Amino acid sequence: MAVIETDRLTKDYSGKIRALQGVSIAVQPGEIYGLLGVNGAGKTTLVKILLGIVKPTQGSGHLLGQPVGSLAIRYRIGYLPEDHRFPDYHTGFSLLDFYGALLGMPRRKRRQRIGEWLDRVGLGPRMHGKIRTYSKGMKQRLGIAQALLHDPELVFLDEPTDGVDPVGRREIREILLDLKRRGKTIFLNSHLLSEVEKICDRVGILNRGHLVLQGDVNDLTRVADCFELRLARGQVFPAETLKSRGFRVKPLGDETWEVFLSDGQRIDEVVDSIRAAGLSLRYLAEKRLSLEEILMNLMDMQERQP
């Protein structure tokens, strides 16, 4: 059974603005699912519907087998909003103690977990410092700790690495991958598409309220029948030879070439030609697009539609 499932969700604001237009997704247990799109695409609206903060105009959704908005599952969910605005008179420790008490966590258990999670996100030495003295990146780390404090089954993270330095992003990435290994399900919104590529199993792309693409990250980024090759330094790529044998080739710079296959051609034939010419192949890989390239291509296509 899917952990998150929506069926043709639509959301209108004031009867004039359609933020979502028939969005259907399914997120499986133990999956990291990334929701992508530019500002205004409908990402935050979708998350708010899933969390029961706003109601859909049409369509339905379920979380953990219950209708969205069900009070019975809220203790099984963790949430980091994009703009969390923690009360800055708290310390990191006292804030998590307050939130843990609201969740009904026993005092001894929550205080043990507070120390563990603040250490895990790198705030151990500053746990008793006022939040007003924290940097943006430190506040983001604190937000991740509060979302995970009660050991939820399902976690929603909206821009979890916003304002975090490269070392911190790597540490947060490792935390999320560890949660996945423990069977947790993560729903992630992020503008840092390179981070999404590294950790997400599947992604969905929203544009103007429409789900325009959804699928496995590896499948979406792979360019069918196209390979990138590079020879040993100083060697000349046999472009003319390959062209004479029906292959389409294209230089990419930095001594790297693209080879396109068609009509039953195989990359083995290219490799055999290179070896027969006494050349040394140093790099061979299927060509892949970045998620950023895919997103921009989709947006360009939609902009050209009437």
Protein backbone atom coordinates (compact mmCIF):
# COMPACT_ATOMS: atom_id res chain seq x y z
CA MET A 1 0.00 0.00 0.00
CA ALA A 2 1.27 3.47 -0.88
CA VAL A 3 2.25 5.68 2.05
CA ILE A 4 1.08 8.79 0.16
CA GLU A 5 -1.58 8.61 -2.51
CA THR A 6 -3.56 11.36 -4.23
CA ASP A 7 -6.25 11.09 -6.87
CA ARG A 8 -6.88 14.08 -9.15
CA LEU A 9 -6.30 16.71 -6.48
CA THR A 10 -7.44 20.19 -7.46
CA LYS A 11 -7.19 23.35 -5.38
CA ASP A 12 -8.75 26.71 -6.20
CA TYR A 13 -8.16 29.87 -4.19
CA SER A 14 -10.92 32.50 -4.16
CA GLY A 15 -12.43 30.79 -7.18
CA LYS A 16 -9.90 32.48 -9.44
CA ILE A 17 -6.47 30.92 -8.86
CA ARG A 18 -6.11 27.20 -9.59
CA ALA A 19 -3.01 26.13 -7.65
CA LEU A 20 -3.35 22.41 -8.41
CA GLN A 21 -4.96 20.81 -11.45
CA GLY A 22 -5.76 17.11 -11.08
CA VAL A 23 -2.57 15.92 -9.38
CA SER A 24 -2.23 12.16 -8.83
CA ILE A 25 0.85 10.72 -7.13
CA ALA A 26 1.79 7.59 -5.20
CA VAL A 27 4.76 7.33 -2.82
CA GLN A 28 5.80 3.86 -1.67
CA PRO A 29 7.08 2.80 1.79
CA GLY A 30 10.79 3.45 2.34
CA GLU A 31 11.03 5.78 -0.65
CA ILE A 32 12.57 9.24 -0.91
CA TYR A 33 10.28 11.18 -3.23
CA GLY A 34 11.28 14.61 -4.53
CA LEU A 35 8.71 17.19 -5.62
CA LEU A 36 10.21 19.73 -8.01
CA GLY A 37 9.04 22.93 -9.62
CA VAL A 38 9.64 26.66 -9.69
CA ASN A 39 8.05 29.07 -7.20
CA GLY A 40 4.30 29.10 -7.69
CA ALA A 41 4.17 25.66 -9.28
CA GLY A 42 1.91 24.31 -6.50
CA LYS A 43 4.42 22.37 -4.37
CA THR A 44 3.59 23.99 -1.03
CA THR A 45 -0.16 23.78 -1.71
CA LEU A 46 0.14 20.04 -2.32
CA VAL A 47 2.09 19.53 0.92
CA LYS A 48 -0.46 21.58 2.90
CA ILE A 49 -3.30 19.46 1.51
CA LEU A 50 -1.46 16.25 2.41
CA LEU A 51 -0.91 17.53 5.94
CA GLY A 52 -4.54 18.59 6.33
CA ILE A 53 -3.68 22.28 6.65
CA VAL A 54 -5.88 23.22 3.66
CA LYS A 55 -8.67 21.28 1.99
CA PRO A 56 -8.73 20.32 -1.69
CA THR A 57 -11.40 21.72 -3.97
CA GLN A 58 -11.73 18.38 -5.72
CA GLY A 59 -10.08 14.97 -5.59
CA SER A 60 -8.86 12.93 -2.63
CA GLY A 61 -5.69 11.94 -0.81
CA HIS A 62 -4.52 9.36 1.74
CA LEU A 63 -1.56 9.22 4.12
CA LEU A 64 -0.57 5.98 5.86
CA GLY A 65 -3.90 4.48 4.82
CA GLN A 66 -6.01 7.29 6.29
CA PRO A 67 -7.72 10.24 4.56
CA VAL A 68 -5.65 13.41 4.53
CA GLY A 69 -6.36 15.56 7.57
CA SER A 70 -6.98 12.58 9.86
CA LEU A 71 -5.91 13.39 13.43
CA ALA A 72 -5.10 9.74 14.08
CA ILE A 73 -1.94 9.83 11.94
CA ARG A 74 -0.44 13.19 12.90
CA TYR A 75 1.82 11.66 15.55
CA ARG A 76 3.27 9.39 12.85
CA ILE A 77 4.32 12.31 10.65
CA GLY A 78 7.24 14.76 10.87
CA TYR A 79 7.23 18.12 9.10
CA LEU A 80 9.79 20.84 8.38
CA PRO A 81 8.12 23.86 6.73
CA GLU A 82 10.16 26.11 4.47
CA ASP A 83 9.63 29.15 6.68
CA HIS A 84 9.54 27.74 10.22
CA ARG A 85 10.07 30.95 12.29
CA PHE A 86 10.97 29.31 15.61
CA PRO A 87 10.52 31.54 18.71
CA ASP A 88 14.03 32.93 19.10
CA TYR A 89 13.83 33.36 22.90
CA HIS A 90 14.08 29.56 23.15
CA THR A 91 17.32 27.63 23.13
CA GLY A 92 17.63 24.73 20.73
CA PHE A 93 17.13 22.33 23.65
CA SER A 94 14.13 24.11 25.19
CA LEU A 95 12.41 24.41 21.80
CA LEU A 96 12.60 20.67 21.17
CA ASP A 97 11.56 20.00 24.77
CA PHE A 98 8.45 22.15 24.21
CA TYR A 99 7.56 20.47 20.92
CA GLY A 100 8.21 17.02 22.35
CA ALA A 101 5.84 17.78 25.24
CA LEU A 102 3.16 18.90 22.77
CA LEU A 103 3.55 15.51 21.06
CA GLY A 104 3.02 13.76 24.38
CA MET A 105 6.53 12.31 24.57
CA PRO A 106 7.49 11.29 28.14
CA ARG A 107 9.92 13.79 29.70
CA ARG A 108 12.79 11.34 30.15
CA LYS A 109 12.48 9.90 26.65
CA ARG A 110 12.22 13.26 24.89
CA ARG A 111 15.19 14.75 26.73
CA GLN A 112 17.33 11.77 25.81
CA ARG A 113 16.29 12.06 22.17
CA ILE A 114 16.79 15.83 22.14
CA GLY A 115 20.45 15.44 23.05
CA GLU A 116 20.90 12.65 20.51
CA TRP A 117 19.31 14.59 17.65
CA LEU A 118 21.02 17.90 18.38
CA ASP A 119 24.34 16.06 18.37
CA ARG A 120 23.34 14.31 15.14
CA VAL A 121 22.62 17.59 13.32
CA GLY A 122 25.79 19.25 14.66
CA LEU A 123 24.17 21.53 17.26
CA GLY A 124 25.30 19.68 20.38
CA PRO A 125 27.79 22.39 21.48
CA ARG A 126 25.17 25.13 20.96
CA MET A 127 22.06 23.36 22.26
CA HIS A 128 21.71 25.76 25.20
CA GLY A 129 22.35 28.89 23.16
CA LYS A 130 19.45 31.17 22.25
CA ILE A 131 17.98 30.56 18.79
CA ARG A 132 18.35 34.30 18.07
CA THR A 133 22.12 33.70 18.00
CA TYR A 134 21.86 30.87 15.45
CA SER A 135 22.77 31.30 11.80
CA LYS A 136 20.23 30.40 9.10
CA GLY A 137 21.97 27.09 8.55
CA MET A 138 21.86 26.28 12.27
CA LYS A 139 18.13 27.05 12.37
CA GLN A 140 17.64 24.71 9.45
CA ARG A 141 19.51 21.94 11.29
CA LEU A 142 17.31 22.58 14.32
CA GLY A 143 14.24 22.30 12.11
CA ILE A 144 15.34 18.89 10.89
CA ALA A 145 15.86 17.75 14.49
CA GLN A 146 12.33 18.84 15.47
CA ALA A 147 10.82 17.06 12.45
CA LEU A 148 12.54 13.79 13.42
CA LEU A 149 12.44 14.00 17.23
CA HIS A 150 9.45 11.66 17.69
CA ASP A 151 10.71 9.01 15.23
CA PRO A 152 7.97 9.50 12.60
CA GLU A 153 7.19 6.96 9.88
CA LEU A 154 6.68 9.65 7.24
CA VAL A 155 8.62 12.91 6.97
CA PHE A 156 7.82 16.01 4.92
CA LEU A 157 10.82 18.30 4.40
CA ASP A 158 10.40 21.61 2.59
CA GLU A 159 13.80 22.96 1.46
CA PRO A 160 15.74 21.09 4.21
CA THR A 161 19.19 22.29 3.08
CA ASP A 162 18.26 25.92 2.42
CA GLY A 163 21.01 28.13 3.84
CA VAL A 164 23.18 25.17 4.83
CA ASP A 165 26.85 25.05 3.80
CA PRO A 166 28.22 22.19 1.64
CA VAL A 167 29.47 20.20 4.64
CA GLY A 168 26.10 20.56 6.32
CA ARG A 169 24.27 19.48 3.16
CA ARG A 170 26.33 16.33 3.02
CA GLU A 171 25.60 15.59 6.69
CA ILE A 172 21.86 16.14 6.17
CA ARG A 173 21.98 13.92 3.09
CA GLU A 174 23.51 11.13 5.18
CA ILE A 175 20.78 11.53 7.80
CA LEU A 176 18.07 11.18 5.15
CA LEU A 177 19.73 8.14 3.59
CA ASP A 178 20.00 6.55 7.03
CA LEU A 179 16.29 7.16 7.59
CA LYS A 180 15.60 5.43 4.27
CA ARG A 181 17.72 2.45 5.35
CA ARG A 182 15.54 2.25 8.47
CA GLY A 183 12.40 2.06 6.34
CA LYS A 184 11.19 5.65 6.77
CA THR A 185 9.42 7.41 3.90
CA ILE A 186 10.54 10.94 2.98
CA PHE A 187 8.70 13.52 0.88
CA LEU A 188 11.13 16.24 -0.13
CA ASN A 189 10.70 19.68 -1.68
CA SER A 190 13.91 21.33 -2.82
CA HIS A 191 15.28 23.83 -5.30
CA LEU A 192 18.74 22.26 -4.99
CA LEU A 193 18.24 19.78 -7.80
CA SER A 194 21.74 18.36 -7.54
CA GLU A 195 20.90 17.29 -3.97
CA VAL A 196 17.63 15.72 -5.13
CA GLU A 197 19.50 13.69 -7.78
CA LYS A 198 21.79 12.26 -5.12
CA ILE A 199 19.17 10.98 -2.70
CA CYS A 200 15.73 10.65 -4.32
CA ASP A 201 14.40 7.38 -5.70
CA ARG A 202 11.62 9.05 -7.68
CA VAL A 203 10.58 12.60 -8.48
CA GLY A 204 7.52 14.46 -9.67
CA ILE A 205 7.69 17.79 -11.50
CA LEU A 206 4.91 20.36 -11.06
CA ASN A 207 4.38 23.28 -13.41
CA ARG A 208 1.40 25.66 -13.15
CA GLY A 209 -0.38 23.17 -10.94
CA HIS A 210 0.01 20.25 -13.36
CA LEU A 211 2.09 17.14 -12.64
CA VAL A 212 3.99 17.21 -15.93
CA LEU A 213 6.44 14.37 -15.26
CA GLN A 214 6.92 11.62 -12.69
CA GLY A 215 9.25 8.67 -12.49
CA ASP A 216 12.43 6.98 -11.34
CA VAL A 217 15.39 9.38 -11.24
CA ASN A 218 17.68 7.01 -13.12
CA ASP A 219 15.12 6.43 -15.86
CA LEU A 220 14.25 10.11 -16.24
CA THR A 221 17.84 11.32 -16.48
CA ARG A 222 19.05 8.62 -18.91
CA VAL A 223 19.23 9.66 -22.57
CA ALA A 224 18.27 6.61 -24.64
CA ASP A 225 20.80 5.34 -27.21
CA CYS A 226 23.39 8.01 -26.47
CA PHE A 227 26.85 7.46 -24.96
CA GLU A 228 29.75 9.67 -23.95
CA LEU A 229 33.29 8.47 -24.74
CA ARG A 230 36.80 9.72 -24.11
CA LEU A 231 40.12 8.29 -25.26
CA ALA A 232 43.54 8.44 -23.65
CA ARG A 233 44.98 11.94 -23.56
CA GLY A 234 46.42 13.04 -26.89
CA GLN A 235 44.71 10.37 -28.97
CA VAL A 236 42.48 11.40 -31.90
CA PHE A 237 38.89 10.19 -31.78
CA PRO A 238 38.05 8.21 -35.01
CA ALA A 239 35.02 10.33 -35.84
CA GLU A 240 35.21 9.90 -39.62
CA THR A 241 35.59 6.14 -39.36
CA LEU A 242 32.52 5.87 -37.14
CA LYS A 243 30.53 8.16 -39.43
CA SER A 244 31.40 5.97 -42.41
CA ARG A 245 29.93 3.04 -40.50
CA GLY A 246 26.64 4.83 -39.93
CA PHE A 247 27.13 6.25 -36.44
CA ARG A 248 26.28 9.84 -35.57
CA VAL A 249 28.96 11.47 -33.45
CA LYS A 250 29.35 14.88 -31.86
CA PRO A 251 32.28 16.55 -30.03
CA LEU A 252 31.52 17.85 -26.53
CA GLY A 253 34.85 19.46 -25.72
CA ASP A 254 37.52 18.31 -23.24
CA GLU A 255 38.24 15.42 -25.67
CA THR A 256 34.80 13.90 -24.94
CA TRP A 257 32.50 12.75 -27.75
CA GLU A 258 28.85 11.75 -27.97
CA VAL A 259 27.86 8.70 -30.00
CA PHE A 260 24.21 8.20 -30.97
CA LEU A 261 22.85 4.73 -31.78
CA SER A 262 20.01 3.93 -34.14
CA ASP A 263 18.56 1.06 -36.21
CA GLY A 264 19.81 -1.74 -33.96
CA GLN A 265 23.35 -0.36 -33.60
CA ARG A 266 25.26 -1.37 -30.49
CA ILE A 267 27.88 0.49 -28.51
CA ASP A 268 30.04 -2.68 -28.66
CA GLU A 269 30.64 -1.97 -32.36
CA VAL A 270 32.03 1.47 -31.49
CA VAL A 271 34.31 0.00 -28.82
CA ASP A 272 35.54 -2.65 -31.28
CA SER A 273 36.37 0.05 -33.87
CA ILE A 274 38.33 2.04 -31.31
CA ARG A 275 40.35 -0.99 -30.24
CA ALA A 276 40.94 -2.08 -33.85
CA ALA A 277 42.51 1.33 -34.48
CA GLY A 278 44.95 0.78 -31.60
CA LEU A 279 43.31 3.47 -29.46
CA SER A 280 42.70 3.33 -25.70
CA LEU A 281 39.20 3.96 -24.33
CA ARG A 282 39.36 5.76 -20.98
CA TYR A 283 35.71 6.70 -20.38
CA LEU A 284 32.40 5.27 -21.52
CA ALA A 285 28.99 6.02 -19.99
CA GLU A 286 25.37 6.45 -20.95
CA LYS A 287 24.59 10.12 -21.42
CA ARG A 288 22.45 11.60 -18.67
CA LEU A 289 20.66 14.89 -18.29
CA SER A 290 20.55 16.68 -14.96
CA LEU A 291 17.19 17.22 -13.29
CA GLU A 292 17.74 20.92 -13.85
CA GLU A 293 18.01 20.35 -17.61
CA ILE A 294 14.87 18.20 -17.59
CA LEU A 295 12.95 20.80 -15.60
CA MET A 296 14.00 23.65 -17.87
CA ASN A 297 13.20 21.65 -21.02
CA LEU A 298 9.71 20.88 -19.75
CA MET A 299 9.08 24.50 -18.86
CA ASP A 300 10.29 25.66 -22.27
CA MET A 301 7.94 23.19 -23.97
CA GLN A 302 4.98 24.38 -21.91
CA GLU A 303 5.81 28.03 -22.59
CA ARG A 304 5.67 27.35 -26.34
CA GLN A 305 2.26 25.73 -26.09
CA PRO A 306 -0.68 28.00 -26.99
